Amino acid sequence: MKTHDERIAEMTFSSVYPHYLAKVEKKGRTEAELHEVITWLTGFTEVQLRNLMEQKVTFKTFFAQASLHPNASLIKGLICGYRVEDITTPLTQQVRYLDKLVDELAKGKKMEKILRG
C-alpha cells in the first residue's frame, strides 16, 4: 500500500488544478490571481505552467522543475489537518505550501499577505 507521501508525489498537477481553480472562483477570485500565486511559489511562467499541465506531470516532476520562492518557508498554518511547517517530506511540504496559498486566496486574503514578501 502506498504511503500518503507517495500518493501525493504521483498525483498530476493537471488533475488537481481544476479543483484549485473551482475553489478560488467560487469565492470570487480569478484564474489570473491563482496563476500569480502559483508563479510566486514555483517561479514558472504562464507558458511553463500550461506546458506542465499539457504534459500531465506529477507533483514530483512539477516541484523538481520549480524554483521555490525563497520566502516559501514563511508559509505556515494548518492545511488538510497538517501543520505545514512541521511536514518533514520536502515534496509533500511543497504541495501543502501550494494548497495553503490556494486556500488563503479562496478565503479572500489580500494578495500582498499571500505572497509573503
PDB file of N, CA and C in Angstrom:
ATOM      1  N   MET A   1       0.837  -1.188   0.000  1.00  0.00           N
ATOM      2  CA  MET A   1       0.000   0.000   0.000  1.00  0.00           C
ATOM      3  C   MET A   1       0.881   1.252   0.000  1.00  0.00           C
ATOM      4  N   LYS A   2       0.498   2.209  -0.812  1.00  0.00           N
ATOM      5  CA  LYS A   2       1.298   3.421  -0.935  1.00  0.00           C
ATOM      6  C   LYS A   2       1.108   4.344   0.258  1.00  0.00           C
ATOM      7  N   THR A   3       2.182   5.030   0.590  1.00  0.00           N
ATOM      8  CA  THR A   3       2.111   5.986   1.695  1.00  0.00           C
ATOM      9  C   THR A   3       1.442   7.271   1.207  1.00  0.00           C
ATOM     10  N   HIS A   4       1.062   8.085   2.157  1.00  0.00           N
ATOM     11  CA  HIS A   4       0.476   9.399   1.877  1.00  0.00           C
ATOM     12  C   HIS A   4       1.425  10.210   0.980  1.00  0.00           C
ATOM     13  N   ASP A   5       2.719  10.213   1.314  1.00  0.00           N
ATOM     14  CA  ASP A   5       3.715  10.964   0.543  1.00  0.00           C
ATOM     15  C   ASP A   5       3.836  10.442  -0.888  1.00  0.00           C
ATOM     16  N   GLU A   6       3.799   9.123  -1.057  1.00  0.00           N
ATOM     17  CA  GLU A   6       3.895   8.533  -2.402  1.00  0.00           C
ATOM     18  C   GLU A   6       2.677   8.898  -3.253  1.00  0.00           C
ATOM     19  N   ARG A   7       1.505   8.877  -2.633  1.00  0.00           N
ATOM     20  CA  ARG A   7       0.288   9.232  -3.377  1.00  0.00           C
ATOM     21  C   ARG A   7       0.350  10.682  -3.845  1.00  0.00           C
ATOM     22  N   ILE A   8       0.816  11.568  -2.977  1.00  0.00           N
ATOM     23  CA  ILE A   8       0.941  12.981  -3.346  1.00  0.00           C
ATOM     24  C   ILE A   8       1.945  13.139  -4.493  1.00  0.00           C
ATOM     25  N   ALA A   9       3.089  12.478  -4.387  1.00  0.00           N
ATOM     26  CA  ALA A   9       4.139  12.579  -5.406  1.00  0.00           C
ATOM     27  C   ALA A   9       3.642  12.141  -6.789  1.00  0.00           C
ATOM     28  N   GLU A  10       2.752  11.138  -6.813  1.00  0.00           N
ATOM     29  CA  GLU A  10       2.284  10.575  -8.080  1.00  0.00           C
ATOM     30  C   GLU A  10       1.061  11.283  -8.665  1.00  0.00           C
ATOM     31  N   MET A  11       0.423  12.148  -7.871  1.00  0.00           N
ATOM     32  CA  MET A  11      -0.718  12.910  -8.405  1.00  0.00           C
ATOM     33  C   MET A  11      -0.214  13.864  -9.479  1.00  0.00           C
ATOM     34  N   THR A  12      -1.035  14.085 -10.499  1.00  0.00           N
ATOM     35  CA  THR A  12      -0.619  15.041 -11.519  1.00  0.00           C
ATOM     36  C   THR A  12      -1.131  16.429 -11.162  1.00  0.00           C
ATOM     37  N   PHE A  13      -0.302  17.417 -11.456  1.00  0.00           N
ATOM     38  CA  PHE A  13      -0.690  18.800 -11.210  1.00  0.00           C
ATOM     39  C   PHE A  13      -1.961  19.124 -11.988  1.00  0.00           C
ATOM     40  N   SER A  14      -2.043  18.629 -13.227  1.00  0.00           N
ATOM     41  CA  SER A  14      -3.209  18.941 -14.075  1.00  0.00           C
ATOM     42  C   SER A  14      -4.504  18.341 -13.533  1.00  0.00           C
ATOM     43  N   SER A  15      -4.420  17.279 -12.732  1.00  0.00           N
ATOM     44  CA  SER A  15      -5.642  16.691 -12.156  1.00  0.00           C
ATOM     45  C   SER A  15      -6.138  17.501 -10.951  1.00  0.00           C
ATOM     46  N   VAL A  16      -5.237  18.188 -10.269  1.00  0.00           N
ATOM     47  CA  VAL A  16      -5.591  18.959  -9.080  1.00  0.00           C
ATOM     48  C   VAL A  16      -5.947  20.402  -9.446  1.00  0.00           C
ATOM     49  N   TYR A  17      -5.333  20.904 -10.515  1.00  0.00           N
ATOM     50  CA  TYR A  17      -5.532  22.294 -10.929  1.00  0.00           C
ATOM     51  C   TYR A  17      -7.003  22.716 -11.047  1.00  0.00           C
ATOM     52  N   PRO A  18      -7.871  21.907 -11.702  1.00  0.00           N
ATOM     53  CA  PRO A  18      -9.282  22.317 -11.802  1.00  0.00           C
ATOM     54  C   PRO A  18      -9.944  22.511 -10.435  1.00  0.00           C
ATOM     55  N   HIS A  19      -9.510  21.743  -9.442  1.00  0.00           N
ATOM     56  CA  HIS A  19     -10.047  21.884  -8.079  1.00  0.00           C
ATOM     57  C   HIS A  19      -9.585  23.197  -7.452  1.00  0.00           C
ATOM     58  N   TYR A  20      -8.320  23.537  -7.684  1.00  0.00           N
ATOM     59  CA  TYR A  20      -7.802  24.826  -7.217  1.00  0.00           C
ATOM     60  C   TYR A  20      -8.607  25.961  -7.847  1.00  0.00           C
ATOM     61  N   LEU A  21      -8.789  25.881  -9.158  1.00  0.00           N
ATOM     62  CA  LEU A  21      -9.489  26.939  -9.895  1.00  0.00           C
ATOM     63  C   LEU A  21     -10.936  27.073  -9.418  1.00  0.00           C
ATOM     64  N   ALA A  22     -11.626  25.953  -9.284  1.00  0.00           N
ATOM     65  CA  ALA A  22     -13.025  25.979  -8.831  1.00  0.00           C
ATOM     66  C   ALA A  22     -13.121  26.580  -7.433  1.00  0.00           C
ATOM     67  N   LYS A  23     -12.182  26.219  -6.573  1.00  0.00           N
ATOM     68  CA  LYS A  23     -12.192  26.703  -5.192  1.00  0.00           C
ATOM     69  C   LYS A  23     -12.060  28.227  -5.136  1.00  0.00           C
ATOM     70  N   VAL A  24     -11.125  28.784  -5.919  1.00  0.00           N
ATOM     71  CA  VAL A  24     -10.920  30.240  -5.853  1.00  0.00           C
ATOM     72  C   VAL A  24     -12.023  30.998  -6.591  1.00  0.00           C
ATOM     73  N   GLU A  25     -12.486  30.452  -7.714  1.00  0.00           N
ATOM     74  CA  GLU A  25     -13.534  31.139  -8.485  1.00  0.00           C
ATOM     75  C   GLU A  25     -14.858  31.165  -7.719  1.00  0.00           C
ATOM     76  N   LYS A  26     -15.118  30.093  -6.981  1.00  0.00           N
ATOM     77  CA  LYS A  26     -16.345  30.016  -6.178  1.00  0.00           C
ATOM     78  C   LYS A  26     -16.373  31.147  -5.146  1.00  0.00           C
ATOM     79  N   LYS A  27     -15.198  31.603  -4.745  1.00  0.00           N
ATOM     80  CA  LYS A  27     -15.086  32.668  -3.747  1.00  0.00           C
ATOM     81  C   LYS A  27     -14.807  34.033  -4.381  1.00  0.00           C
ATOM     82  N   GLY A  28     -15.013  34.123  -5.715  1.00  0.00           N
ATOM     83  CA  GLY A  28     -14.890  35.417  -6.378  1.00  0.00           C
ATOM     84  C   GLY A  28     -13.478  35.821  -6.783  1.00  0.00           C
ATOM     85  N   ARG A  29     -12.525  34.898  -6.701  1.00  0.00           N
ATOM     86  CA  ARG A  29     -11.168  35.205  -7.150  1.00  0.00           C
ATOM     87  C   ARG A  29     -11.023  34.739  -8.597  1.00  0.00           C
ATOM     88  N   THR A  30      -9.929  35.136  -9.250  1.00  0.00           N
ATOM     89  CA  THR A  30      -9.783  34.860 -10.684  1.00  0.00           C
ATOM     90  C   THR A  30      -8.672  33.842 -10.963  1.00  0.00           C
ATOM     91  N   GLU A  31      -8.720  33.309 -12.189  1.00  0.00           N
ATOM     92  CA  GLU A  31      -7.664  32.400 -12.632  1.00  0.00           C
ATOM     93  C   GLU A  31      -6.328  33.141 -12.666  1.00  0.00           C
ATOM     94  N   ALA A  32      -6.355  34.421 -13.046  1.00  0.00           N
ATOM     95  CA  ALA A  32      -5.124  35.225 -13.068  1.00  0.00           C
ATOM     96  C   ALA A  32      -4.510  35.311 -11.672  1.00  0.00           C
ATOM     97  N   GLU A  33      -5.351  35.469 -10.650  1.00  0.00           N
ATOM     98  CA  GLU A  33      -4.849  35.522  -9.275  1.00  0.00           C
ATOM     99  C   GLU A  33      -4.275  34.164  -8.852  1.00  0.00           C
ATOM    100  N   LEU A  34      -4.947  33.101  -9.265  1.00  0.00           N
ATOM    101  CA  LEU A  34      -4.445  31.753  -8.973  1.00  0.00           C
ATOM    102  C   LEU A  34      -3.064  31.573  -9.602  1.00  0.00           C
ATOM    103  N   HIS A  35      -2.927  31.999 -10.855  1.00  0.00           N
ATOM    104  CA  HIS A  35      -1.639  31.863 -11.551  1.00  0.00           C
ATOM    105  C   HIS A  35      -0.565  32.714 -10.890  1.00  0.00           C
ATOM    106  N   GLU A  36      -0.956  33.888 -10.394  1.00  0.00           N
ATOM    107  CA  GLU A  36       0.006  34.755  -9.706  1.00  0.00           C
ATOM    108  C   GLU A  36       0.576  34.046  -8.475  1.00  0.00           C
ATOM    109  N   VAL A  37      -0.300  33.377  -7.736  1.00  0.00           N
ATOM    110  CA  VAL A  37       0.106  32.646  -6.538  1.00  0.00           C
ATOM    111  C   VAL A  37       1.013  31.466  -6.912  1.00  0.00           C
ATOM    112  N   ILE A  38       0.627  30.696  -7.922  1.00  0.00           N
ATOM    113  CA  ILE A  38       1.418  29.531  -8.351  1.00  0.00           C
ATOM    114  C   ILE A  38       2.782  29.992  -8.871  1.00  0.00           C
ATOM    115  N   THR A  39       2.782  31.067  -9.652  1.00  0.00           N
ATOM    116  CA  THR A  39       4.017  31.610 -10.215  1.00  0.00           C
ATOM    117  C   THR A  39       4.948  32.099  -9.105  1.00  0.00           C
ATOM    118  N   TRP A  40       4.366  32.776  -8.112  1.00  0.00           N
ATOM    119  CA  TRP A  40       5.178  33.258  -6.990  1.00  0.00           C
ATOM    120  C   TRP A  40       5.888  32.091  -6.300  1.00  0.00           C
ATOM    121  N   LEU A  41       5.137  31.025  -6.024  1.00  0.00           N
ATOM    122  CA  LEU A  41       5.702  29.887  -5.298  1.00  0.00           C
ATOM    123  C   LEU A  41       6.731  29.119  -6.123  1.00  0.00           C
ATOM    124  N   THR A  42       6.436  28.904  -7.410  1.00  0.00           N
ATOM    125  CA  THR A  42       7.225  27.969  -8.224  1.00  0.00           C
ATOM    126  C   THR A  42       8.231  28.619  -9.164  1.00  0.00           C
ATOM    127  N   GLY A  43       8.016  29.892  -9.492  1.00  0.00           N
ATOM    128  CA  GLY A  43       8.883  30.551 -10.461  1.00  0.00           C
ATOM    129  C   GLY A  43       8.524  30.245 -11.907  1.00  0.00           C
ATOM    130  N   PHE A  44       7.477  29.435 -12.129  1.00  0.00           N
ATOM    131  CA  PHE A  44       7.068  29.102 -13.500  1.00  0.00           C
ATOM    132  C   PHE A  44       6.404  30.294 -14.180  1.00  0.00           C
ATOM    133  N   THR A  45       6.619  30.409 -15.489  1.00  0.00           N
ATOM    134  CA  THR A  45       5.897  31.400 -16.283  1.00  0.00           C
ATOM    135  C   THR A  45       4.542  30.806 -16.655  1.00  0.00           C
ATOM    136  N   GLU A  46       3.693  31.652 -17.193  1.00  0.00           N
ATOM    137  CA  GLU A  46       2.371  31.210 -17.666  1.00  0.00           C
ATOM    138  C   GLU A  46       2.529  30.078 -18.695  1.00  0.00           C
ATOM    139  N   VAL A  47       3.458  30.249 -19.627  1.00  0.00           N
ATOM    140  CA  VAL A  47       3.693  29.247 -20.685  1.00  0.00           C
ATOM    141  C   VAL A  47       4.182  27.931 -20.080  1.00  0.00           C
ATOM    142  N   GLN A  48       5.109  28.024 -19.143  1.00  0.00           N
ATOM    143  CA  GLN A  48       5.614  26.806 -18.498  1.00  0.00           C
ATOM    144  C   GLN A  48       4.497  26.073 -17.755  1.00  0.00           C
ATOM    145  N   LEU A  49       3.648  26.828 -17.073  1.00  0.00           N
ATOM    146  CA  LEU A  49       2.517  26.223 -16.358  1.00  0.00           C
ATOM    147  C   LEU A  49       1.620  25.446 -17.306  1.00  0.00           C
ATOM    148  N   ARG A  50       1.253  26.093 -18.409  1.00  0.00           N
ATOM    149  CA  ARG A  50       0.392  25.435 -19.412  1.00  0.00           C
ATOM    150  C   ARG A  50       1.057  24.167 -19.948  1.00  0.00           C
ATOM    151  N   ASN A  51       2.354  24.250 -20.249  1.00  0.00           N
ATOM    152  CA  ASN A  51       3.077  23.089 -20.782  1.00  0.00           C
ATOM    153  C   ASN A  51       3.100  21.943 -19.778  1.00  0.00           C
ATOM    154  N   LEU A  52       3.336  22.257 -18.504  1.00  0.00           N
ATOM    155  CA  LEU A  52       3.363  21.217 -17.475  1.00  0.00           C
ATOM    156  C   LEU A  52       2.002  20.553 -17.342  1.00  0.00           C
ATOM    157  N   MET A  53       0.931  21.349 -17.489  1.00  0.00           N
ATOM    158  CA  MET A  53      -0.416  20.761 -17.419  1.00  0.00           C
ATOM    159  C   MET A  53      -0.670  19.869 -18.629  1.00  0.00           C
ATOM    160  N   GLU A  54      -0.263  20.338 -19.808  1.00  0.00           N
ATOM    161  CA  GLU A  54      -0.454  19.531 -21.023  1.00  0.00           C
ATOM    162  C   GLU A  54       0.326  18.220 -20.950  1.00  0.00           C
ATOM    163  N   GLN A  55       1.513  18.278 -20.352  1.00  0.00           N
ATOM    164  CA  GLN A  55       2.352  17.075 -20.223  1.00  0.00           C
ATOM    165  C   GLN A  55       1.884  16.158 -19.100  1.00  0.00           C
ATOM    166  N   LYS A  56       0.898  16.637 -18.316  1.00  0.00           N
ATOM    167  CA  LYS A  56       0.359  15.857 -17.200  1.00  0.00           C
ATOM    168  C   LYS A  56       1.458  15.363 -16.257  1.00  0.00           C
ATOM    169  N   VAL A  57       2.340  16.290 -15.863  1.00  0.00           N
ATOM    170  CA  VAL A  57       3.441  15.923 -14.970  1.00  0.00           C
ATOM    171  C   VAL A  57       2.919  15.662 -13.555  1.00  0.00           C
ATOM    172  N   THR A  58       3.630  14.799 -12.858  1.00  0.00           N
ATOM    173  CA  THR A  58       3.297  14.525 -11.454  1.00  0.00           C
ATOM    174  C   THR A  58       3.780  15.693 -10.605  1.00  0.00           C
ATOM    175  N   PHE A  59       3.286  15.758  -9.373  1.00  0.00           N
ATOM    176  CA  PHE A  59       3.773  16.786  -8.453  1.00  0.00           C
ATOM    177  C   PHE A  59       5.278  16.623  -8.233  1.00  0.00           C
ATOM    178  N   LYS A  60       5.753  15.377  -8.267  1.00  0.00           N
ATOM    179  CA  LYS A  60       7.193  15.137  -8.096  1.00  0.00           C
ATOM    180  C   LYS A  60       7.979  15.875  -9.184  1.00  0.00           C
ATOM    181  N   THR A  61       7.575  15.721 -10.428  1.00  0.00           N
ATOM    182  CA  THR A  61       8.235  16.391 -11.553  1.00  0.00           C
ATOM    183  C   THR A  61       7.994  17.897 -11.499  1.00  0.00           C
ATOM    184  N   PHE A  62       6.765  18.289 -11.191  1.00  0.00           N
ATOM    185  CA  PHE A  62       6.378  19.696 -11.125  1.00  0.00           C
ATOM    186  C   PHE A  62       7.308  20.462 -10.175  1.00  0.00           C
ATOM    187  N   PHE A  63       7.459  19.942  -8.966  1.00  0.00           N
ATOM    188  CA  PHE A  63       8.282  20.657  -7.977  1.00  0.00           C
ATOM    189  C   PHE A  63       9.773  20.444  -8.201  1.00  0.00           C
ATOM    190  N   ALA A  64      10.159  19.346  -8.879  1.00  0.00           N
ATOM    191  CA  ALA A  64      11.579  19.145  -9.218  1.00  0.00           C
ATOM    192  C   ALA A  64      12.027  20.225 -10.206  1.00  0.00           C
ATOM    193  N   GLN A  65      11.111  20.677 -11.069  1.00  0.00           N
ATOM    194  CA  GLN A  65      11.434  21.692 -12.071  1.00  0.00           C
ATOM    195  C   GLN A  65      11.206  23.121 -11.565  1.00  0.00           C
ATOM    196  N   ALA A  66      10.554  23.258 -10.431  1.00  0.00           N
ATOM    197  CA  ALA A  66      10.228  24.586  -9.894  1.00  0.00           C
ATOM    198  C   ALA A  66      11.445  25.216  -9.223  1.00  0.00           C
ATOM    199  N   SER A  67      11.424  26.544  -9.150  1.00  0.00           N
ATOM    200  CA  SER A  67      12.412  27.295  -8.362  1.00  0.00           C
ATOM    201  C   SER A  67      11.626  27.886  -7.196  1.00  0.00           C
ATOM    202  N   LEU A  68      11.585  27.163  -6.112  1.00  0.00           N
ATOM    203  CA  LEU A  68      10.762  27.571  -4.971  1.00  0.00           C
ATOM    204  C   LEU A  68      11.157  28.961  -4.473  1.00  0.00           C
ATOM    205  N   HIS A  69      10.168  29.786  -4.219  1.00  0.00           N
ATOM    206  CA  HIS A  69      10.407  31.152  -3.741  1.00  0.00           C
ATOM    207  C   HIS A  69      11.168  31.107  -2.422  1.00  0.00           C
ATOM    208  N   PRO A  70      12.164  31.992  -2.259  1.00  0.00           N
ATOM    209  CA  PRO A  70      12.947  31.989  -1.014  1.00  0.00           C
ATOM    210  C   PRO A  70      12.093  32.198   0.242  1.00  0.00           C
ATOM    211  N   ASN A  71      10.935  32.849   0.106  1.00  0.00           N
ATOM    212  CA  ASN A  71      10.071  33.088   1.265  1.00  0.00           C
ATOM    213  C   ASN A  71       9.023  31.993   1.473  1.00  0.00           C
ATOM    214  N   ALA A  72       9.111  30.904   0.711  1.00  0.00           N
ATOM    215  CA  ALA A  72       8.123  29.823   0.849  1.00  0.00           C
ATOM    216  C   ALA A  72       8.089  29.284   2.283  1.00  0.00           C
ATOM    217  N   SER A  73       9.231  29.300   2.955  1.00  0.00           N
ATOM    218  CA  SER A  73       9.279  28.775   4.333  1.00  0.00           C
ATOM    219  C   SER A  73       8.469  29.633   5.309  1.00  0.00           C
ATOM    220  N   LEU A  74       8.043  30.819   4.868  1.00  0.00           N
ATOM    221  CA  LEU A  74       7.199  31.668   5.713  1.00  0.00           C
ATOM    222  C   LEU A  74       5.736  31.227   5.688  1.00  0.00           C
ATOM    223  N   ILE A  75       5.412  30.281   4.802  1.00  0.00           N
ATOM    224  CA  ILE A  75       4.044  29.757   4.720  1.00  0.00           C
ATOM    225  C   ILE A  75       3.856  28.824   5.910  1.00  0.00           C
ATOM    226  N   LYS A  76       2.930  29.196   6.776  1.00  0.00           N
ATOM    227  CA  LYS A  76       2.706  28.416   7.990  1.00  0.00           C
ATOM    228  C   LYS A  76       1.213  28.213   8.205  1.00  0.00           C
ATOM    229  N   GLY A  77       0.874  27.295   9.093  1.00  0.00           N
ATOM    230  CA  GLY A  77      -0.521  27.084   9.440  1.00  0.00           C
ATOM    231  C   GLY A  77      -1.009  25.698   9.074  1.00  0.00           C
ATOM    232  N   LEU A  78      -2.293  25.492   9.303  1.00  0.00           N
ATOM    233  CA  LEU A  78      -2.900  24.179   9.065  1.00  0.00           C
ATOM    234  C   LEU A  78      -3.491  24.087   7.662  1.00  0.00           C
ATOM    235  N   ILE A  79      -3.270  22.937   7.032  1.00  0.00           N
ATOM    236  CA  ILE A  79      -3.931  22.622   5.764  1.00  0.00           C
ATOM    237  C   ILE A  79      -4.172  21.113   5.756  1.00  0.00           C
ATOM    238  N   CYS A  80      -5.391  20.719   5.483  1.00  0.00           N
ATOM    239  CA  CYS A  80      -5.764  19.297   5.461  1.00  0.00           C
ATOM    240  C   CYS A  80      -5.374  18.590   6.767  1.00  0.00           C
ATOM    241  N   GLY A  81      -5.471  19.306   7.882  1.00  0.00           N
ATOM    242  CA  GLY A  81      -5.170  18.708   9.170  1.00  0.00           C
ATOM    243  C   GLY A  81      -3.693  18.609   9.518  1.00  0.00           C
ATOM    244  N   TYR A  82      -2.831  19.124   8.642  1.00  0.00           N
ATOM    245  CA  TYR A  82      -1.390  19.075   8.892  1.00  0.00           C
ATOM    246  C   TYR A  82      -0.861  20.495   9.092  1.00  0.00           C
ATOM    247  N   ARG A  83       0.079  20.659   9.999  1.00  0.00           N
ATOM    248  CA  ARG A  83       0.752  21.936  10.186  1.00  0.00           C
ATOM    249  C   ARG A  83       1.868  21.981   9.140  1.00  0.00           C
ATOM    250  N   VAL A  84       1.766  22.884   8.184  1.00  0.00           N
ATOM    251  CA  VAL A  84       2.657  22.928   7.022  1.00  0.00           C
ATOM    252  C   VAL A  84       4.132  22.965   7.430  1.00  0.00           C
ATOM    253  N   GLU A  85       4.438  23.778   8.433  1.00  0.00           N
ATOM    254  CA  GLU A  85       5.844  23.942   8.822  1.00  0.00           C
ATOM    255  C   GLU A  85       6.427  22.696   9.496  1.00  0.00           C
ATOM    256  N   ASP A  86       5.573  21.740   9.898  1.00  0.00           N
ATOM    257  CA  ASP A  86       6.050  20.523  10.565  1.00  0.00           C
ATOM    258  C   ASP A  86       6.174  19.313   9.626  1.00  0.00           C
ATOM    259  N   ILE A  87       5.785  19.473   8.371  1.00  0.00           N
ATOM    260  CA  ILE A  87       5.859  18.349   7.421  1.00  0.00           C
ATOM    261  C   ILE A  87       7.331  18.101   7.084  1.00  0.00           C
ATOM    262  N   THR A  88       7.762  16.840   7.235  1.00  0.00           N
ATOM    263  CA  THR A  88       9.188  16.531   7.075  1.00  0.00           C
ATOM    264  C   THR A  88       9.578  16.093   5.664  1.00  0.00           C
ATOM    265  N   THR A  89       8.634  15.628   4.855  1.00  0.00           N
ATOM    266  CA  THR A  89       8.944  15.232   3.485  1.00  0.00           C
ATOM    267  C   THR A  89       8.902  16.481   2.601  1.00  0.00           C
ATOM    268  N   PRO A  90      10.038  16.880   2.012  1.00  0.00           N
ATOM    269  CA  PRO A  90      10.076  18.135   1.251  1.00  0.00           C
ATOM    270  C   PRO A  90       8.988  18.264   0.175  1.00  0.00           C
ATOM    271  N   LEU A  91       8.776  17.226  -0.627  1.00  0.00           N
ATOM    272  CA  LEU A  91       7.781  17.326  -1.694  1.00  0.00           C
ATOM    273  C   LEU A  91       6.374  17.513  -1.123  1.00  0.00           C
ATOM    274  N   THR A  92       6.031  16.738  -0.124  1.00  0.00           N
ATOM    275  CA  THR A  92       4.708  16.865   0.497  1.00  0.00           C
ATOM    276  C   THR A  92       4.542  18.277   1.060  1.00  0.00           C
ATOM    277  N   GLN A  93       5.595  18.789   1.679  1.00  0.00           N
ATOM    278  CA  GLN A  93       5.535  20.147   2.223  1.00  0.00           C
ATOM    279  C   GLN A  93       5.318  21.170   1.104  1.00  0.00           C
ATOM    280  N   GLN A  94       5.987  21.009  -0.022  1.00  0.00           N
ATOM    281  CA  GLN A  94       5.833  21.940  -1.141  1.00  0.00           C
ATOM    282  C   GLN A  94       4.413  21.908  -1.706  1.00  0.00           C
ATOM    283  N   VAL A  95       3.844  20.716  -1.829  1.00  0.00           N
ATOM    284  CA  VAL A  95       2.462  20.588  -2.306  1.00  0.00           C
ATOM    285  C   VAL A  95       1.523  21.263  -1.310  1.00  0.00           C
ATOM    286  N   ARG A  96       1.766  21.072  -0.030  1.00  0.00           N
ATOM    287  CA  ARG A  96       0.928  21.695   1.004  1.00  0.00           C
ATOM    288  C   ARG A  96       1.113  23.210   1.038  1.00  0.00           C
ATOM    289  N   TYR A  97       2.310  23.700   0.700  1.00  0.00           N
ATOM    290  CA  TYR A  97       2.505  25.149   0.553  1.00  0.00           C
ATOM    291  C   TYR A  97       1.526  25.669  -0.503  1.00  0.00           C
ATOM    292  N   LEU A  98       1.484  24.972  -1.638  1.00  0.00           N
ATOM    293  CA  LEU A  98       0.597  25.384  -2.725  1.00  0.00           C
ATOM    294  C   LEU A  98      -0.859  25.317  -2.276  1.00  0.00           C
ATOM    295  N   ASP A  99      -1.236  24.231  -1.610  1.00  0.00           N
ATOM    296  CA  ASP A  99      -2.605  24.098  -1.092  1.00  0.00           C
ATOM    297  C   ASP A  99      -2.946  25.262  -0.172  1.00  0.00           C
ATOM    298  N   LYS A 100      -2.002  25.623   0.699  1.00  0.00           N
ATOM    299  CA  LYS A 100      -2.221  26.689   1.676  1.00  0.00           C
ATOM    300  C   LYS A 100      -2.403  28.034   0.976  1.00  0.00           C
ATOM    301  N   LEU A 101      -1.599  28.305  -0.047  1.00  0.00           N
ATOM    302  CA  LEU A 101      -1.725  29.570  -0.785  1.00  0.00           C
ATOM    303  C   LEU A 101      -3.075  29.653  -1.491  1.00  0.00           C
ATOM    304  N   VAL A 102      -3.503  28.548  -2.097  1.00  0.00           N
ATOM    305  CA  VAL A 102      -4.803  28.499  -2.778  1.00  0.00           C
ATOM    306  C   VAL A 102      -5.919  28.727  -1.755  1.00  0.00           C
ATOM    307  N   ASP A 103      -5.783  28.112  -0.595  1.00  0.00           N
ATOM    308  CA  ASP A 103      -6.751  28.261   0.486  1.00  0.00           C
ATOM    309  C   ASP A 103      -6.849  29.720   0.930  1.00  0.00           C
ATOM    310  N   GLU A 104      -5.708  30.363   1.102  1.00  0.00           N
ATOM    311  CA  GLU A 104      -5.695  31.770   1.527  1.00  0.00           C
ATOM    312  C   GLU A 104      -6.329  32.667   0.461  1.00  0.00           C
ATOM    313  N   LEU A 105      -6.058  32.356  -0.799  1.00  0.00           N
ATOM    314  CA  LEU A 105      -6.654  33.112  -1.905  1.00  0.00           C
ATOM    315  C   LEU A 105      -8.177  32.973  -1.857  1.00  0.00           C
ATOM    316  N   ALA A 106      -8.639  31.743  -1.685  1.00  0.00           N
ATOM    317  CA  ALA A 106     -10.081  31.479  -1.630  1.00  0.00           C
ATOM    318  C   ALA A 106     -10.734  32.139  -0.416  1.00  0.00           C
ATOM    319  N   LYS A 107      -9.977  32.280   0.654  1.00  0.00           N
ATOM    320  CA  LYS A 107     -10.528  32.893   1.873  1.00  0.00           C
ATOM    321  C   LYS A 107     -10.527  34.417   1.811  1.00  0.00           C
ATOM    322  N   GLY A 108     -10.066  34.972   0.673  1.00  0.00           N
ATOM    323  CA  GLY A 108     -10.144  36.412   0.485  1.00  0.00           C
ATOM    324  C   GLY A 108      -8.989  37.213   1.058  1.00  0.00           C
ATOM    325  N   LYS A 109      -7.905  36.522   1.413  1.00  0.00           N
ATOM    326  CA  LYS A 109      -6.736  37.249   1.918  1.00  0.00           C
ATOM    327  C   LYS A 109      -6.199  38.185   0.836  1.00  0.00           C
ATOM    328  N   LYS A 110      -5.626  39.294   1.253  1.00  0.00           N
ATOM    329  CA  LYS A 110      -5.030  40.233   0.313  1.00  0.00           C
ATOM    330  C   LYS A 110      -3.789  39.598  -0.324  1.00  0.00           C
ATOM    331  N   MET A 111      -3.599  39.862  -1.615  1.00  0.00           N
ATOM    332  CA  MET A 111      -2.505  39.253  -2.368  1.00  0.00           C
ATOM    333  C   MET A 111      -1.143  39.529  -1.714  1.00  0.00           C
ATOM    334  N   GLU A 112      -0.932  40.746  -1.205  1.00  0.00           N
ATOM    335  CA  GLU A 112       0.377  41.045  -0.609  1.00  0.00           C
ATOM    336  C   GLU A 112       0.630  40.236   0.667  1.00  0.00           C
ATOM    337  N   LYS A 113      -0.432  39.779   1.333  1.00  0.00           N
ATOM    338  CA  LYS A 113      -0.273  38.908   2.503  1.00  0.00           C
ATOM    339  C   LYS A 113       0.031  37.480   2.063  1.00  0.00           C
ATOM    340  N   ILE A 114      -0.637  37.053   0.990  1.00  0.00           N
ATOM    341  CA  ILE A 114      -0.425  35.691   0.469  1.00  0.00           C
ATOM    342  C   ILE A 114       1.008  35.537  -0.048  1.00  0.00           C
ATOM    343  N   LEU A 115       1.450  36.526  -0.821  1.00  0.00           N
ATOM    344  CA  LEU A 115       2.792  36.491  -1.416  1.00  0.00           C
ATOM    345  C   LEU A 115       3.773  37.089  -0.414  1.00  0.00           C
ATOM    346  N   ARG A 116       4.068  36.301   0.576  1.00  0.00           N
ATOM    347  CA  ARG A 116       4.886  36.757   1.705  1.00  0.00           C
ATOM    348  C   ARG A 116       6.144  37.457   1.215  1.00  0.00           C
ATOM    349  N   GLY A 117       6.149  38.772   1.342  1.00  0.00           N
ATOM    350  CA  GLY A 117       7.310  39.472   0.822  1.00  0.00           C
ATOM    351  C   GLY A 117       7.538  40.718   1.595  1.00  0.00           C
TER     352      GLY A 117
END
